[in-house]
Amino acid sequence: MPSAIEELKRRKDGLDVLEDIIQAAAAGFDKMDKEFIDLFRWYGLYQQKPKNGYFMLRIKVPNGDLLANQVREVAAIAQQFGRGLVDITTRQNYQLHWIRIEDVPEIFRRLHRVGLMTVGACGDITRNIVGCPVAGLDATEFCDATPLVKRINTYLAGNKEFSNLPRKFKISISGCRQRCAQPQINDIGIYGVERKVDWHYEYGFGLMVGGGLSTRPYFAADLKVFLHYDQVFEVVREIAAIFRDSDVLRQDRGKARLKFLIHDPKIGLGAEGFLSLLEQRLGYALTRFEAPPAPTDTEDDHLGIHPQKQEGLYYIGAGVTSGRSSAEKLLRLADIVDRYSKCATLRNTNKQNFIVTHVAEEDVPRVVTELEALGYSPRPSTFRRFMVACTGTEFCNLAITETKALSLQLSRTLEEALPGFQRKVRIHISGCPNNCGQTAIADIGLRGGLTKVDGQPVEVYDIQLGGGTGSKPRFAETIVRKVPASDLAPALIRLCKAYDSWAKNGETFRDFVDAHAPNELAAFLTQG
């Protein structure tokens, strides 16, 4: 039986609710017609917990690419309408809270005036297309995929041919050698490659399909083909059409993602079957090609101070713990970008951080000083740089534990307890099993839940270890369950100390996990 949302979509296309939003704003939340309120997501609007008149608003930022005036406008909107909060998401978006429906038309006008949009930021539609935050800047990249991201975003966003998909649809496109844009956990993952043809090298892309996390995570299947630059658009369009037309996915909303069409034992086509279907739609065969293995560690976002391929220019990436910023800080950041970036540009990253681009070499020290004065260090501790958290119970109706404040407290406590700790440890927090904080691919994943102590609900976390993407992708394994939030910091301090003592020759946290049995890892976490 079709789900309630499928029935709702049959009655109205999600892109047709803009007039409903305008009418709702005029009527006010208490008097508005709420028949199609779930379709407001197609314009980036979710009801905020506890659904009493406030909304979360997500702003699409393809490839995380922003101009200073856009950053300033987002900050000004947050300051005026969103109680001064701005979050950077793991898909390089901005997310605002405390938005009243009455203010949405004015917010939309102001966003559109600076070239920003919310269409497709949520809902059963193509979500924000992610990519490498230093695309076009990094001298080592295979190629700059930015034009592809822009073309495909322009085509799919607001296109009624693709506005009623079985569920959300996530695309990653990048020419980065590091594969930082996480192709393995996207519905479509297009990653840069090179191949030798006769006496020269040719640059293009590999293709993965069917990745995704949530409660049933799968890594994307590599179709082992070589895509030329001018083939990418058509391939993406046809995969989106396959997903759209797969009625079998609409029968069970719990299995309405592309990953089930690839991997599910009952309905999945497998990689070869899906490739065959794709080539039927394309009308030609794709070039078979097996790319070299991915780098061992692909979970990075280019923070620090680095020369660009443009002579004399640098990009400077700074840490924002869990992506949480105040509007005031963001306004001051926009001023820094305006003063020092030759193109007035900034990039959001998928680790909830940002990068200031096109900085002249002589200005680098001043930019670093001004960023650090805001609390955004280009040399953040590992606990700030790699701390990722979902929205949590503060605003999310699905979450069952708090995350943002916890992440900020944990990062501070770990810094104080482990001064000078230099090893890379990625800590991700999700407030429920839906994995929005990407705990499944974290070095240390904290997955929220509830238990009762003396009859009272207490927030607890399962501690998962050893996840990651790259040449040996693996989902994190649950080592200890139901750890109270108040006990997390001591447990993680003990674990990080054990790792630091064990690692002598640059071994990674994954190496540390692999070298110890689950009961040994549990002992590090539980025995004070």
Protein backbone atom coordinates (compact mmCIF):
# COMPACT_ATOMS: atom_id res chain seq x y z
CA MET A 1 0.00 0.00 0.00
CA PRO A 2 1.43 3.43 -0.92
CA SER A 3 2.55 5.55 2.02
CA ALA A 4 0.74 8.69 3.12
CA ILE A 5 3.39 10.87 1.50
CA GLU A 6 2.98 9.01 -1.82
CA GLU A 7 -0.76 9.69 -1.66
CA LEU A 8 -0.04 13.35 -0.91
CA LYS A 9 2.36 13.60 -3.86
CA ARG A 10 -0.28 12.15 -6.18
CA ARG A 11 -2.56 15.01 -5.24
CA LYS A 12 0.02 17.78 -5.62
CA ASP A 13 3.55 18.07 -6.94
CA GLY A 14 5.95 19.27 -4.26
CA LEU A 15 7.09 22.12 -6.50
CA ASP A 16 3.51 23.40 -6.67
CA VAL A 17 3.28 24.28 -2.96
CA LEU A 18 4.96 27.68 -3.24
CA GLU A 19 1.54 29.33 -3.47
CA ASP A 20 0.44 27.34 -0.42
CA ILE A 21 3.48 28.67 1.45
CA ILE A 22 2.62 32.25 0.46
CA GLN A 23 -1.00 31.76 1.57
CA ALA A 24 0.12 30.16 4.83
CA ALA A 25 2.37 33.13 5.52
CA ALA A 26 -0.53 35.52 5.00
CA ALA A 27 -2.86 33.50 7.23
CA GLY A 28 -0.33 32.79 9.99
CA PHE A 29 0.57 29.40 11.44
CA ASP A 30 -2.48 29.00 13.66
CA LYS A 31 -4.95 29.68 10.83
CA MET A 32 -3.04 28.27 7.84
CA ASP A 33 -4.27 25.29 5.83
CA LYS A 34 -1.91 22.46 6.86
CA GLU A 35 -3.08 19.93 4.25
CA PHE A 36 0.17 20.08 2.26
CA ILE A 37 2.55 21.17 5.02
CA ASP A 38 4.68 18.03 4.54
CA LEU A 39 5.34 19.12 0.96
CA PHE A 40 6.80 22.42 2.16
CA ARG A 41 10.02 20.37 2.43
CA TRP A 42 10.44 20.71 -1.33
CA TYR A 43 11.24 24.36 -0.56
CA GLY A 44 13.56 23.54 2.32
CA LEU A 45 11.03 23.91 5.15
CA TYR A 46 10.65 21.30 7.91
CA GLN A 47 8.48 21.77 10.95
CA GLN A 48 10.81 22.23 13.88
CA LYS A 49 10.36 20.26 17.09
CA PRO A 50 7.81 20.38 18.73
CA LYS A 51 5.79 21.47 15.63
CA ASN A 52 4.37 24.53 17.32
CA GLY A 53 4.84 27.12 14.61
CA TYR A 54 8.58 27.23 13.93
CA PHE A 55 10.45 25.78 10.98
CA MET A 56 13.94 24.72 10.04
CA LEU A 57 15.00 26.23 6.72
CA ARG A 58 17.72 24.57 4.66
CA ILE A 59 19.51 26.59 1.99
CA LYS A 60 21.10 24.76 -0.93
CA VAL A 61 24.74 25.53 -1.64
CA PRO A 62 25.93 23.33 -4.55
CA ASN A 63 29.53 22.27 -3.97
CA GLY A 64 29.49 24.52 -0.88
CA ASP A 65 30.45 27.43 -3.16
CA LEU A 66 29.48 30.87 -1.79
CA LEU A 67 30.12 34.56 -2.35
CA ALA A 68 30.73 36.91 0.57
CA ASN A 69 27.45 38.76 -0.04
CA GLN A 70 25.58 35.44 0.11
CA VAL A 71 27.20 34.54 3.42
CA ARG A 72 26.32 37.99 4.72
CA GLU A 73 22.68 37.66 3.66
CA VAL A 74 22.33 34.23 5.29
CA ALA A 75 23.77 35.67 8.50
CA ALA A 76 21.51 38.72 8.36
CA ILE A 77 18.43 36.53 7.83
CA ALA A 78 19.45 34.30 10.73
CA GLN A 79 19.99 37.34 12.91
CA GLN A 80 16.61 38.88 12.08
CA PHE A 81 14.42 35.79 11.77
CA GLY A 82 16.31 32.78 13.22
CA ARG A 83 17.47 33.81 16.70
CA GLY A 84 21.02 34.20 15.45
CA LEU A 85 21.84 30.53 14.75
CA VAL A 86 23.43 29.13 11.58
CA ASP A 87 24.53 25.52 11.05
CA ILE A 88 26.76 24.15 8.28
CA THR A 89 25.58 20.66 7.30
CA THR A 90 27.43 17.57 6.10
CA ARG A 91 26.12 18.32 2.59
CA GLN A 92 27.75 21.78 2.52
CA ASN A 93 24.41 23.55 3.06
CA TYR A 94 23.34 26.20 5.52
CA GLN A 95 20.54 25.44 7.94
CA LEU A 96 18.53 28.00 9.91
CA HIS A 97 16.12 27.50 12.81
CA TRP A 98 13.29 29.31 14.56
CA ILE A 99 11.82 30.43 11.22
CA ARG A 100 8.17 31.54 11.30
CA ILE A 101 6.01 30.76 8.28
CA GLU A 102 4.91 34.40 8.32
CA ASP A 103 8.47 35.48 7.50
CA VAL A 104 9.21 32.95 4.76
CA PRO A 105 8.17 35.06 1.72
CA GLU A 106 10.51 37.87 2.79
CA ILE A 107 13.30 35.36 3.48
CA PHE A 108 12.82 33.79 0.04
CA ARG A 109 12.96 37.21 -1.62
CA ARG A 110 16.20 38.07 0.14
CA LEU A 111 17.80 34.73 -0.67
CA HIS A 112 16.82 34.93 -4.33
CA ARG A 113 18.17 38.47 -4.53
CA VAL A 114 21.67 37.12 -3.80
CA GLY A 115 21.33 34.02 -5.95
CA LEU A 116 20.55 31.45 -3.26
CA MET A 117 17.71 28.96 -3.32
CA THR A 118 15.97 26.42 -1.11
CA VAL A 119 14.23 24.38 -3.82
CA GLY A 120 15.17 20.73 -3.40
CA ALA A 121 16.95 21.22 -0.10
CA CYS A 122 14.56 18.66 1.42
CA GLY A 123 11.82 16.33 0.18
CA ASP A 124 11.69 13.48 -2.34
CA ILE A 125 13.86 15.28 -4.83
CA THR A 126 17.54 15.73 -5.70
CA ARG A 127 19.26 17.16 -2.63
CA ASN A 128 22.25 19.49 -2.60
CA ILE A 129 24.95 18.21 -4.97
CA VAL A 130 28.20 17.93 -3.06
CA GLY A 131 31.77 18.09 -4.27
CA CYS A 132 35.32 18.93 -3.33
CA PRO A 133 35.48 22.28 -1.47
CA VAL A 134 38.70 23.19 -3.28
CA ALA A 135 37.56 22.22 -6.77
CA GLY A 136 39.34 24.41 -9.29
CA LEU A 137 41.91 25.45 -6.70
CA ASP A 138 43.82 22.28 -5.88
CA ALA A 139 46.78 21.73 -8.18
CA THR A 140 46.65 17.95 -7.69
CA GLU A 141 43.02 17.37 -8.72
CA PHE A 142 42.29 15.23 -11.76
CA CYS A 143 39.92 17.89 -13.08
CA ASP A 144 37.62 20.66 -11.91
CA ALA A 145 34.09 19.24 -11.72
CA THR A 146 32.47 22.55 -10.74
CA PRO A 147 30.84 23.17 -14.16
CA LEU A 148 29.26 19.71 -13.98
CA VAL A 149 27.88 20.35 -10.49
CA LYS A 150 26.38 23.64 -11.63
CA ARG A 151 24.90 22.23 -14.84
CA ILE A 152 23.33 19.20 -13.16
CA ASN A 153 22.02 21.25 -10.25
CA THR A 154 20.47 23.78 -12.63
CA TYR A 155 18.82 21.00 -14.61
CA LEU A 156 17.43 18.95 -11.71
CA ALA A 157 16.48 21.70 -9.24
CA GLY A 158 12.94 22.82 -9.87
CA ASN A 159 12.48 20.37 -12.76
CA LYS A 160 9.06 18.70 -12.54
CA GLU A 161 10.36 15.70 -14.45
CA PHE A 162 12.33 14.87 -11.31
CA SER A 163 10.31 16.46 -8.51
CA ASN A 164 8.48 13.27 -7.46
CA LEU A 165 11.15 10.70 -6.69
CA PRO A 166 10.58 7.70 -4.42
CA ARG A 167 12.65 9.42 -1.75
CA LYS A 168 15.60 11.78 -1.42
CA PHE A 169 18.34 11.50 -4.03
CA LYS A 170 21.94 12.40 -3.19
CA ILE A 171 24.69 13.10 -5.72
CA SER A 172 28.43 13.62 -5.26
CA ILE A 173 30.59 14.88 -8.14
CA SER A 174 34.28 15.59 -7.76
CA GLY A 175 37.61 15.45 -9.55
CA CYS A 176 39.56 15.39 -6.28
CA ARG A 177 42.37 12.82 -5.99
CA GLN A 178 41.54 12.33 -2.34
CA ARG A 179 37.87 11.46 -3.06
CA CYS A 180 36.90 13.80 -0.24
CA ALA A 181 33.31 14.16 -1.49
CA GLN A 182 32.29 10.73 -0.16
CA PRO A 183 31.15 9.01 -3.38
CA GLN A 184 30.77 5.75 -1.46
CA ILE A 185 27.81 6.97 0.60
CA ASN A 186 25.83 8.78 -2.11
CA ASP A 187 23.14 7.52 -4.48
CA ILE A 188 25.44 8.61 -7.31
CA GLY A 189 29.14 9.01 -6.61
CA ILE A 190 31.19 10.42 -9.48
CA TYR A 191 34.89 10.59 -8.67
CA GLY A 192 37.96 11.68 -10.59
CA VAL A 193 40.23 9.15 -12.33
CA GLU A 194 42.95 8.99 -14.94
CA ARG A 195 43.76 6.27 -17.45
CA LYS A 196 46.62 5.76 -19.83
CA VAL A 197 45.67 5.88 -23.50
CA ASP A 198 48.56 5.11 -25.84
CA TRP A 199 51.28 7.53 -24.77
CA HIS A 200 49.27 9.99 -22.69
CA TYR A 201 46.94 10.15 -19.70
CA GLU A 202 43.24 10.94 -20.04
CA TYR A 203 41.25 12.41 -17.19
CA GLY A 204 37.64 11.51 -16.49
CA PHE A 205 35.43 9.96 -13.84
CA GLY A 206 34.53 6.69 -12.20
CA LEU A 207 30.92 5.91 -11.28
CA MET A 208 29.43 4.50 -8.09
CA VAL A 209 25.74 3.93 -7.37
CA GLY A 210 23.61 2.96 -4.42
CA GLY A 211 25.43 4.30 -1.39
CA GLY A 212 23.66 5.57 1.71
CA LEU A 213 23.64 5.40 5.49
CA SER A 214 20.54 5.67 7.72
CA THR A 215 19.43 2.55 9.63
CA ARG A 216 20.50 0.16 6.86
CA PRO A 217 23.78 1.45 5.48
CA TYR A 218 25.34 0.35 2.20
CA PHE A 219 28.47 1.43 0.42
CA ALA A 220 27.95 2.32 -3.23
CA ALA A 221 28.74 -0.27 -5.89
CA ASP A 222 31.45 0.75 -8.34
CA LEU A 223 30.18 0.14 -11.87
CA LYS A 224 33.78 0.00 -13.13
CA VAL A 225 33.35 2.32 -16.08
CA PHE A 226 35.19 5.39 -17.36
CA LEU A 227 33.05 8.47 -17.94
CA HIS A 228 34.26 11.24 -20.20
CA TYR A 229 33.53 14.75 -18.98
CA ASP A 230 30.77 15.24 -21.54
CA GLN A 231 29.06 11.97 -20.59
CA VAL A 232 28.47 12.80 -16.93
CA PHE A 233 25.34 14.92 -17.38
CA GLU A 234 23.53 12.31 -19.45
CA VAL A 235 24.54 9.47 -17.13
CA VAL A 236 23.28 11.34 -14.06
CA ARG A 237 20.01 12.21 -15.82
CA GLU A 238 19.36 8.59 -16.79
CA ILE A 239 20.16 7.24 -13.33
CA ALA A 240 17.76 9.79 -11.85
CA ALA A 241 15.13 8.61 -14.34
CA ILE A 242 15.69 4.96 -13.38
CA PHE A 243 15.19 5.89 -9.74
CA ARG A 244 12.11 7.96 -10.52
CA ASP A 245 10.48 5.21 -12.59
CA SER A 246 11.17 2.36 -10.14
CA ASP A 247 7.65 1.74 -8.87
CA VAL A 248 8.88 -1.15 -6.74
CA LEU A 249 10.67 1.37 -4.51
CA ARG A 250 7.43 3.23 -3.82
CA GLN A 251 5.76 0.21 -2.22
CA ASP A 252 7.77 0.45 1.00
CA ARG A 253 9.03 3.85 2.08
CA GLY A 254 11.57 2.14 4.31
CA LYS A 255 13.14 0.74 1.12
CA ALA A 256 12.60 3.69 -1.20
CA ARG A 257 16.25 4.60 -1.75
CA LEU A 258 18.36 3.74 -4.79
CA LYS A 259 20.62 1.59 -2.59
CA PHE A 260 17.88 -1.03 -2.30
CA LEU A 261 17.55 -1.22 -6.09
CA ILE A 262 21.22 -2.18 -6.15
CA HIS A 263 21.80 -4.20 -2.98
CA ASP A 264 18.50 -5.59 -1.63
CA PRO A 265 18.36 -9.40 -1.82
CA LYS A 266 14.77 -9.38 -3.13
CA ILE A 267 14.50 -6.37 -5.44
CA GLY A 268 18.15 -5.45 -6.05
CA LEU A 269 19.60 -5.63 -9.55
CA GLY A 270 23.23 -5.78 -8.44
CA ALA A 271 25.96 -3.68 -10.05
CA GLU A 272 25.96 -5.57 -13.38
CA GLY A 273 22.18 -5.57 -13.67
CA PHE A 274 21.98 -1.88 -12.93
CA LEU A 275 24.74 -1.08 -15.43
CA SER A 276 22.89 -3.05 -18.09
CA LEU A 277 19.69 -1.09 -17.39
CA LEU A 278 21.60 2.20 -17.49
CA GLU A 279 23.19 1.37 -20.84
CA GLN A 280 19.79 0.43 -22.27
CA ARG A 281 18.53 3.89 -21.39
CA LEU A 282 21.67 5.58 -22.71
CA GLY A 283 21.59 3.63 -25.96
CA TYR A 284 25.30 2.87 -25.90
CA ALA A 285 27.86 0.95 -23.85
CA LEU A 286 30.08 2.74 -21.37
CA THR A 287 33.83 2.20 -21.43
CA ARG A 288 34.84 -0.55 -19.00
CA PHE A 289 37.53 0.62 -16.61
CA GLU A 290 38.68 -0.45 -13.17
CA ALA A 291 40.04 2.52 -11.28
CA PRO A 292 42.98 2.18 -8.92
CA PRO A 293 41.97 1.82 -5.26
CA ALA A 294 40.84 4.92 -3.44
CA PRO A 295 43.24 6.48 -0.95
CA THR A 296 43.28 4.67 2.37
CA ASP A 297 41.83 7.71 4.15
CA THR A 298 39.36 9.78 2.17
CA GLU A 299 37.67 11.47 5.14
CA ASP A 300 39.20 14.93 5.04
CA ASP A 301 38.16 18.39 3.87
CA HIS A 302 41.38 20.25 2.98
CA LEU A 303 41.62 22.46 6.06
CA GLY A 304 44.77 24.43 6.78
CA ILE A 305 46.80 26.88 4.67
CA HIS A 306 47.56 25.73 1.13
CA PRO A 307 48.78 27.30 -2.13
CA GLN A 308 46.25 27.30 -4.95
CA LYS A 309 47.09 26.34 -8.49
CA GLN A 310 46.55 30.04 -9.26
CA GLU A 311 49.98 31.57 -8.70
CA GLY A 312 50.37 33.72 -5.61
CA LEU A 313 47.00 32.74 -4.11
CA TYR A 314 46.16 30.55 -1.11
CA TYR A 315 43.11 28.92 0.39
CA ILE A 316 42.65 28.80 4.16
CA GLY A 317 40.37 26.22 5.74
CA ALA A 318 39.18 26.72 9.31
CA GLY A 319 37.38 24.54 11.83
CA VAL A 320 33.83 25.17 13.06
CA THR A 321 32.97 22.62 15.73
CA SER A 322 29.93 20.67 14.50
CA GLY A 323 29.12 23.47 12.05
CA ARG A 324 27.39 25.61 14.69
CA SER A 325 27.92 29.36 14.27
CA SER A 326 26.31 32.55 15.42
CA ALA A 327 24.96 34.98 12.88
CA GLU A 328 27.25 37.67 14.29
CA LYS A 329 30.35 35.54 13.66
CA LEU A 330 29.16 34.75 10.16
CA LEU A 331 28.70 38.44 9.40
CA ARG A 332 32.25 39.13 10.51
CA LEU A 333 33.47 36.17 8.46
CA ALA A 334 31.78 37.66 5.38
CA ASP A 335 33.70 40.89 6.04
CA ILE A 336 36.99 38.94 6.15
CA VAL A 337 36.15 37.24 2.85
CA ASP A 338 35.27 40.59 1.27
CA ARG A 339 38.52 42.17 2.44
CA TYR A 340 40.97 39.45 1.54
CA SER A 341 39.55 37.02 -1.02
CA LYS A 342 40.34 38.22 -4.55
CA CYS A 343 37.10 36.59 -5.74
CA ALA A 344 35.16 37.22 -2.50
CA THR A 345 34.50 33.48 -2.18
CA LEU A 346 34.12 30.93 0.58
CA ARG A 347 33.41 27.18 0.47
CA ASN A 348 31.51 25.08 3.00
CA THR A 349 32.87 21.56 3.57
CA ASN A 350 31.20 18.23 4.30
CA LYS A 351 32.85 18.16 7.74
CA GLN A 352 30.84 21.26 8.71
CA ASN A 353 33.82 23.58 8.30
CA PHE A 354 34.65 26.31 5.73
CA ILE A 355 37.46 27.45 3.43
CA VAL A 356 38.31 31.04 2.45
CA THR A 357 39.69 31.05 -1.09
CA HIS A 358 41.83 33.28 -3.35
CA VAL A 359 43.86 34.92 -0.59
CA ALA A 360 47.03 36.71 -1.67
CA GLU A 361 50.18 35.28 -0.10
CA GLU A 362 50.99 38.52 1.71
CA ASP A 363 47.50 38.58 3.28
CA VAL A 364 47.59 35.04 4.70
CA PRO A 365 48.93 36.04 8.16
CA ARG A 366 46.25 38.72 8.56
CA VAL A 367 43.46 36.33 7.53
CA VAL A 368 44.71 33.70 9.97
CA THR A 369 44.83 36.26 12.78
CA GLU A 370 41.31 37.54 12.07
CA LEU A 371 39.85 34.04 11.74
CA GLU A 372 41.43 32.98 15.02
CA ALA A 373 39.99 36.07 16.70
CA LEU A 374 36.56 34.73 15.70
CA GLY A 375 37.39 31.31 17.11
CA TYR A 376 37.90 29.75 13.66
CA SER A 377 41.40 28.36 13.64
CA PRO A 378 43.09 27.14 10.44
CA ARG A 379 44.98 24.81 12.78
CA PRO A 380 42.17 23.44 14.93
CA SER A 381 42.64 20.53 17.27
CA THR A 382 41.59 17.16 15.89
CA PHE A 383 38.60 17.29 18.24
CA ARG A 384 37.30 20.51 16.67
CA ARG A 385 38.25 19.79 13.09
CA PHE A 386 36.71 16.32 12.89
CA MET A 387 33.77 16.68 15.28
CA VAL A 388 30.52 16.22 13.35
CA ALA A 389 27.02 16.31 14.82
CA CYS A 390 23.49 16.17 13.48
CA THR A 391 20.75 18.56 14.63
CA GLY A 392 19.58 16.49 17.62
CA THR A 393 16.57 17.01 19.87
CA GLU A 394 17.11 20.75 19.97
CA PHE A 395 15.20 21.01 16.69
CA CYS A 396 14.70 17.59 15.04
CA ASN A 397 11.44 15.68 15.44
CA LEU A 398 13.16 12.33 14.85
CA ALA A 399 16.04 12.77 17.29
CA ILE A 400 15.94 11.27 20.77
CA THR A 401 19.12 12.81 22.20
CA GLU A 402 20.82 16.20 22.18
CA THR A 403 23.91 16.49 19.96
CA LYS A 404 25.20 20.01 19.24
CA ALA A 405 25.82 21.14 22.82
CA LEU A 406 27.25 17.71 23.59
CA SER A 407 29.68 17.96 20.68
CA LEU A 408 30.88 21.40 21.79
CA GLN A 409 31.33 20.22 25.37
CA LEU A 410 33.15 17.05 24.29
CA SER A 411 35.55 18.93 22.02
CA ARG A 412 36.46 21.37 24.80
CA THR A 413 36.88 18.62 27.40
CA LEU A 414 39.02 16.46 25.11
CA GLU A 415 41.23 19.43 24.21
CA GLU A 416 41.80 20.25 27.86
CA ALA A 417 42.46 16.64 28.87
CA LEU A 418 44.71 15.86 25.89
CA PRO A 419 46.70 19.04 25.13
CA GLY A 420 48.88 18.67 22.08
CA PHE A 421 47.11 15.53 20.87
CA GLN A 422 48.02 15.41 17.17
CA ARG A 423 46.55 12.16 15.87
CA LYS A 424 43.52 12.13 13.60
CA VAL A 425 40.38 10.88 15.34
CA ARG A 426 37.00 11.60 13.78
CA ILE A 427 34.13 11.75 16.29
CA HIS A 428 30.59 11.84 14.88
CA ILE A 429 27.35 12.15 16.86
CA SER A 430 23.82 11.18 15.77
CA GLY A 431 20.80 11.79 17.95
CA CYS A 432 18.98 8.71 16.68
CA PRO A 433 19.62 5.60 14.53
CA ASN A 434 19.01 7.51 11.26
CA ASN A 435 22.72 8.32 10.99
CA CYS A 436 22.47 11.96 9.91
CA GLY A 437 25.70 12.53 11.84
CA GLN A 438 27.35 9.78 9.75
CA THR A 439 28.32 7.74 12.81
CA ALA A 440 28.55 4.60 10.66
CA ILE A 441 31.68 5.90 8.90
CA ALA A 442 33.31 7.58 11.92
CA ASP A 443 36.42 6.55 13.78
CA ILE A 444 34.28 7.01 16.88
CA GLY A 445 30.54 7.09 16.34
CA LEU A 446 28.15 8.10 19.14
CA ARG A 447 24.61 6.95 18.34
CA GLY A 448 21.93 8.35 20.62
CA GLY A 449 19.23 6.46 22.48
CA LEU A 450 17.20 6.52 25.71
CA THR A 451 17.07 4.31 28.77
CA LYS A 452 15.45 4.62 32.18
CA VAL A 453 17.21 5.13 35.48
CA ASP A 454 15.00 5.10 38.57
CA GLY A 455 12.03 5.42 36.25
CA GLN A 456 13.35 8.56 34.56
CA PRO A 457 14.49 8.76 30.91
CA VAL A 458 18.24 9.22 30.49
CA GLU A 459 20.07 10.02 27.27
CA VAL A 460 22.61 7.34 26.37
CA TYR A 461 24.90 6.59 23.46
CA ASP A 462 26.14 3.46 21.76
CA ILE A 463 29.86 3.85 21.05
CA GLN A 464 30.82 2.57 17.60
CA LEU A 465 34.42 2.27 16.43
CA GLY A 466 36.43 1.80 13.26
CA GLY A 467 34.24 3.12 10.45
CA GLY A 468 35.48 4.86 7.34
CA THR A 469 35.42 5.19 3.57
CA GLY A 470 38.35 4.79 1.19
CA SER A 471 40.17 1.74 -0.14
CA LYS A 472 38.91 -0.46 2.70
CA PRO A 473 35.45 0.90 3.51
CA ARG A 474 33.85 -0.37 6.67
CA PHE A 475 30.95 0.57 8.89
CA ALA A 476 31.72 1.20 12.52
CA GLU A 477 31.11 -1.66 14.96
CA THR A 478 29.17 -1.11 18.18
CA ILE A 479 31.57 -1.80 21.06
CA VAL A 480 29.72 -0.47 24.11
CA ARG A 481 26.01 0.24 24.43
CA LYS A 482 23.97 2.73 26.41
CA VAL A 483 26.71 4.92 27.82
CA PRO A 484 25.17 7.93 29.65
CA ALA A 485 26.08 11.25 28.05
CA SER A 486 27.80 12.30 31.28
CA ASP A 487 30.21 9.33 30.98
CA LEU A 488 31.24 9.91 27.37
CA ALA A 489 34.12 12.34 27.93
CA PRO A 490 36.03 10.12 30.41
CA ALA A 491 35.50 7.10 28.14
CA LEU A 492 36.79 8.91 25.05
CA ILE A 493 39.75 10.36 26.94
CA ARG A 494 40.80 6.85 28.01
CA LEU A 495 40.34 5.54 24.46
CA CYS A 496 42.36 8.34 22.85
CA LYS A 497 45.13 7.94 25.42
CA ALA A 498 45.28 4.22 24.67
CA TYR A 499 45.50 4.92 20.95
CA ASP A 500 48.18 7.57 21.43
CA SER A 501 50.29 5.23 23.56
CA TRP A 502 49.89 2.33 21.13
CA ALA A 503 50.62 4.18 17.87
CA LYS A 504 54.36 4.52 17.28
CA ASN A 505 54.80 4.81 13.50
CA GLY A 506 51.88 6.83 12.19
CA GLU A 507 49.28 4.09 12.63
CA THR A 508 45.71 5.28 12.09
CA PHE A 509 42.83 4.95 14.50
CA ARG A 510 41.47 2.21 12.23
CA ASP A 511 44.77 0.35 12.67
CA PHE A 512 44.36 0.68 16.42
CA VAL A 513 40.84 -0.73 16.28
CA ASP A 514 41.95 -3.60 14.04
CA ALA A 515 44.77 -4.51 16.43
CA HIS A 516 42.46 -4.97 19.40
CA ALA A 517 39.60 -7.34 20.09
CA PRO A 518 36.16 -5.82 20.86
CA ASN A 519 36.48 -6.73 24.55
CA GLU A 520 39.83 -4.93 24.72
CA LEU A 521 38.35 -1.81 23.13
CA ALA A 522 35.40 -2.01 25.50
CA ALA A 523 37.82 -2.14 28.42
CA PHE A 524 39.50 1.09 27.30
CA LEU A 525 36.08 2.75 27.25
CA THR A 526 34.66 1.43 30.49
CA GLN A 527 37.50 0.84 32.94
CA GLY A 528 38.52 4.05 34.65
